[in-house]
């Protein structure tokens, strides 16, 4: 099993680096810039989410990070509750935070992104300015994405700290 841990650790670290780095970049730099751009920022985000593979890449790296982490967790803790809640408690908290981050990202951001894409297509097909209710829904979806990203980022930082123990 020890021979398997090294490749799993490498995959785990690489996937987590992309997932966490991208999320923190978006929360700390991209989202404030998009908000400052107003309607043009919304168009940019729609293009970024709808026309690139960013969302699937984040989902895939989240899944890979969680699965490789879970595969290593048992051997590292010996599946002992005394170890999990004793000497490896920070690791356990980090693992829980990482899993919650993936769930939160998928449940909040995944749904909001999908609806934002669909709404963007509806608005684009109309060939005119968006209806007030469409604009209000788009703004609500953007706020949901910001909130979900912040929650996810906080959980990721907790997970990173926990992984250092």
Protein backbone atom coordinates (compact mmCIF):
# COMPACT_ATOMS: atom_id res chain seq x y z
CA UNK A 1 0.00 0.00 0.00
CA UNK A 2 2.91 2.37 0.66
CA UNK A 3 3.94 2.21 -3.01
CA UNK A 4 0.46 3.41 -3.95
CA UNK A 5 0.54 6.37 -1.56
CA UNK A 6 3.24 8.32 -3.44
CA UNK A 7 1.39 8.50 -6.80
CA UNK A 8 -1.85 9.25 -4.95
CA UNK A 9 -0.14 12.02 -3.01
CA UNK A 10 1.26 13.54 -6.20
CA UNK A 11 -2.18 13.45 -7.89
CA UNK A 12 -3.79 14.84 -4.74
CA UNK A 13 -1.37 17.76 -4.47
CA UNK A 14 -1.51 18.62 -8.19
CA UNK A 15 -5.31 18.51 -8.34
CA UNK A 16 -5.66 20.45 -5.09
CA UNK A 17 -3.19 23.08 -6.28
CA UNK A 18 -5.25 23.77 -9.40
CA UNK A 19 -8.60 23.61 -7.58
CA UNK A 20 -7.63 25.79 -4.64
CA UNK A 21 -5.45 28.18 -6.64
CA UNK A 22 -8.13 28.78 -9.24
CA UNK A 23 -10.82 29.28 -6.61
CA UNK A 24 -8.74 31.72 -4.57
CA UNK A 25 -7.80 33.65 -7.73
CA UNK A 26 -11.46 33.92 -8.65
CA UNK A 27 -12.57 35.02 -5.17
CA UNK A 28 -9.75 37.46 -4.48
CA UNK A 29 -9.15 38.97 -7.92
CA UNK A 30 -11.55 37.95 -10.67
CA UNK A 31 -14.88 38.44 -8.89
CA UNK A 32 -14.09 41.97 -7.62
CA UNK A 33 -12.93 42.96 -11.10
CA UNK A 34 -16.04 41.49 -12.72
CA UNK A 35 -18.25 43.32 -10.23
CA UNK A 36 -16.46 46.60 -10.94
CA UNK A 37 -17.07 46.16 -14.67
CA UNK A 38 -20.85 46.02 -14.22
CA UNK A 39 -22.75 44.60 -17.21
CA UNK A 40 -19.52 44.00 -19.13
CA UNK A 41 -18.26 41.90 -16.23
CA UNK A 42 -21.40 39.80 -16.42
CA UNK A 43 -20.79 39.22 -20.13
CA UNK A 44 -17.20 38.23 -19.39
CA UNK A 45 -18.25 35.74 -16.70
CA UNK A 46 -20.90 34.27 -18.97
CA UNK A 47 -18.27 33.77 -21.67
CA UNK A 48 -15.79 32.32 -19.16
CA UNK A 49 -18.29 29.90 -17.66
CA UNK A 50 -20.17 29.07 -20.85
CA UNK A 51 -17.45 28.92 -23.48
CA UNK A 52 -14.49 27.41 -21.68
CA UNK A 53 -13.89 24.19 -19.82
CA UNK A 54 -13.32 25.99 -16.52
CA UNK A 55 -16.38 24.60 -14.73
CA UNK A 56 -15.78 20.97 -15.77
CA UNK A 57 -12.08 21.33 -14.95
CA UNK A 58 -12.86 22.62 -11.46
CA UNK A 59 -15.40 19.84 -10.91
CA UNK A 60 -12.96 17.18 -12.11
CA UNK A 61 -10.09 18.43 -9.96
CA UNK A 62 -12.39 18.71 -6.94
CA UNK A 63 -13.46 15.11 -7.43
CA UNK A 64 -9.89 13.93 -8.01
CA UNK A 65 -8.68 15.80 -4.92
CA UNK A 66 -11.39 14.32 -2.71
CA UNK A 67 -11.04 10.76 -4.04
CA UNK A 68 -7.25 10.66 -3.76
CA UNK A 69 -7.48 12.21 -0.30
CA UNK A 70 -9.97 9.60 0.83
CA UNK A 71 -7.83 6.80 -0.62
CA UNK A 72 -4.86 8.01 1.47
CA UNK A 73 -6.78 8.84 4.63
CA UNK A 74 -7.28 5.27 5.85
CA UNK A 75 -3.66 4.18 5.53
CA UNK A 76 -2.43 7.43 7.10
CA UNK A 77 -4.74 7.13 10.11
CA UNK A 78 -4.78 3.34 10.29
CA UNK A 79 -8.60 3.68 10.35
CA UNK A 80 -8.27 4.25 14.07
CA UNK A 81 -10.73 6.66 15.69
CA UNK A 82 -8.14 7.35 18.38
CA UNK A 83 -5.67 8.49 15.72
CA UNK A 84 -8.31 10.35 13.64
CA UNK A 85 -9.54 12.30 16.66
CA UNK A 86 -6.18 12.48 18.43
CA UNK A 87 -2.84 13.03 16.75
CA UNK A 88 -4.42 13.40 13.28
CA UNK A 89 -7.35 15.63 14.30
CA UNK A 90 -6.14 18.56 12.11
CA UNK A 91 -5.94 16.16 9.15
CA UNK A 92 -9.46 14.91 9.92
CA UNK A 93 -10.81 18.46 10.12
CA UNK A 94 -9.00 19.30 6.86
CA UNK A 95 -10.45 16.24 5.15
CA UNK A 96 -13.97 17.13 6.26
CA UNK A 97 -13.48 20.74 5.12
CA UNK A 98 -12.19 19.57 1.72
CA UNK A 99 -15.17 17.27 1.22
CA UNK A 100 -17.58 20.02 2.29
CA UNK A 101 -15.85 22.41 -0.10
CA UNK A 102 -16.45 20.04 -3.02
CA UNK A 103 -20.08 19.52 -2.02
CA UNK A 104 -20.66 23.25 -1.57
CA UNK A 105 -19.00 24.07 -4.88
CA UNK A 106 -21.13 21.54 -6.73
CA UNK A 107 -24.39 22.29 -4.98
CA UNK A 108 -24.22 26.08 -4.98
CA UNK A 109 -21.86 27.11 -7.77
CA UNK A 110 -22.61 24.22 -10.12
CA UNK A 111 -26.34 24.88 -10.11
CA UNK A 112 -25.96 28.65 -10.32
CA UNK A 113 -23.47 28.37 -13.21
CA UNK A 114 -25.75 26.04 -15.14
CA UNK A 115 -28.73 28.36 -14.69
CA UNK A 116 -26.60 31.38 -15.60
CA UNK A 117 -25.57 29.69 -18.84
CA UNK A 118 -29.17 28.85 -19.72
CA UNK A 119 -30.33 32.36 -18.89
CA UNK A 120 -27.52 33.85 -20.96
CA UNK A 121 -28.64 31.79 -23.94
CA UNK A 122 -32.24 32.94 -23.44
CA UNK A 123 -31.12 36.57 -23.32
CA UNK A 124 -28.86 36.13 -26.35
CA UNK A 125 -31.59 34.46 -28.39
CA UNK A 126 -33.92 37.38 -27.75
CA UNK A 127 -31.65 39.76 -29.73
CA UNK A 128 -32.41 42.72 -27.54
CA UNK A 129 -31.90 44.00 -24.05
CA UNK A 130 -32.74 41.55 -21.28
CA UNK A 131 -36.12 41.80 -19.62
CA UNK A 132 -36.04 43.29 -16.10
CA UNK A 133 -36.83 39.90 -14.55
CA UNK A 134 -33.99 38.28 -16.53
CA UNK A 135 -31.60 40.97 -15.39
CA UNK A 136 -32.74 40.53 -11.77
CA UNK A 137 -32.28 36.76 -12.00
CA UNK A 138 -28.81 37.17 -13.51
CA UNK A 139 -27.78 39.48 -10.67
CA UNK A 140 -29.15 37.03 -8.12
CA UNK A 141 -27.21 34.18 -9.75
CA UNK A 142 -24.03 36.26 -9.72
CA UNK A 143 -24.52 36.97 -6.00
CA UNK A 144 -25.09 33.26 -5.37
CA UNK A 145 -21.87 32.43 -7.21
CA UNK A 146 -19.93 34.99 -5.17
CA UNK A 147 -21.29 33.65 -1.90
CA UNK A 148 -20.71 30.02 -2.88
CA UNK A 149 -17.17 30.80 -4.00
CA UNK A 150 -16.38 32.52 -0.71
CA UNK A 151 -17.73 29.62 1.35
CA UNK A 152 -15.82 27.16 -0.80
CA UNK A 153 -12.61 29.19 -0.51
CA UNK A 154 -12.86 29.38 3.29
CA UNK A 155 -13.38 25.62 3.50
CA UNK A 156 -10.41 25.10 1.17
CA UNK A 157 -8.13 27.19 3.37
CA UNK A 158 -9.22 25.13 6.39
CA UNK A 159 -8.50 21.97 4.39
CA UNK A 160 -5.05 23.25 3.40
CA UNK A 161 -4.15 24.07 6.97
CA UNK A 162 -5.37 20.65 8.11
CA UNK A 163 -3.33 18.89 5.44
CA UNK A 164 -0.09 20.39 6.78
CA UNK A 165 -0.24 18.33 9.95
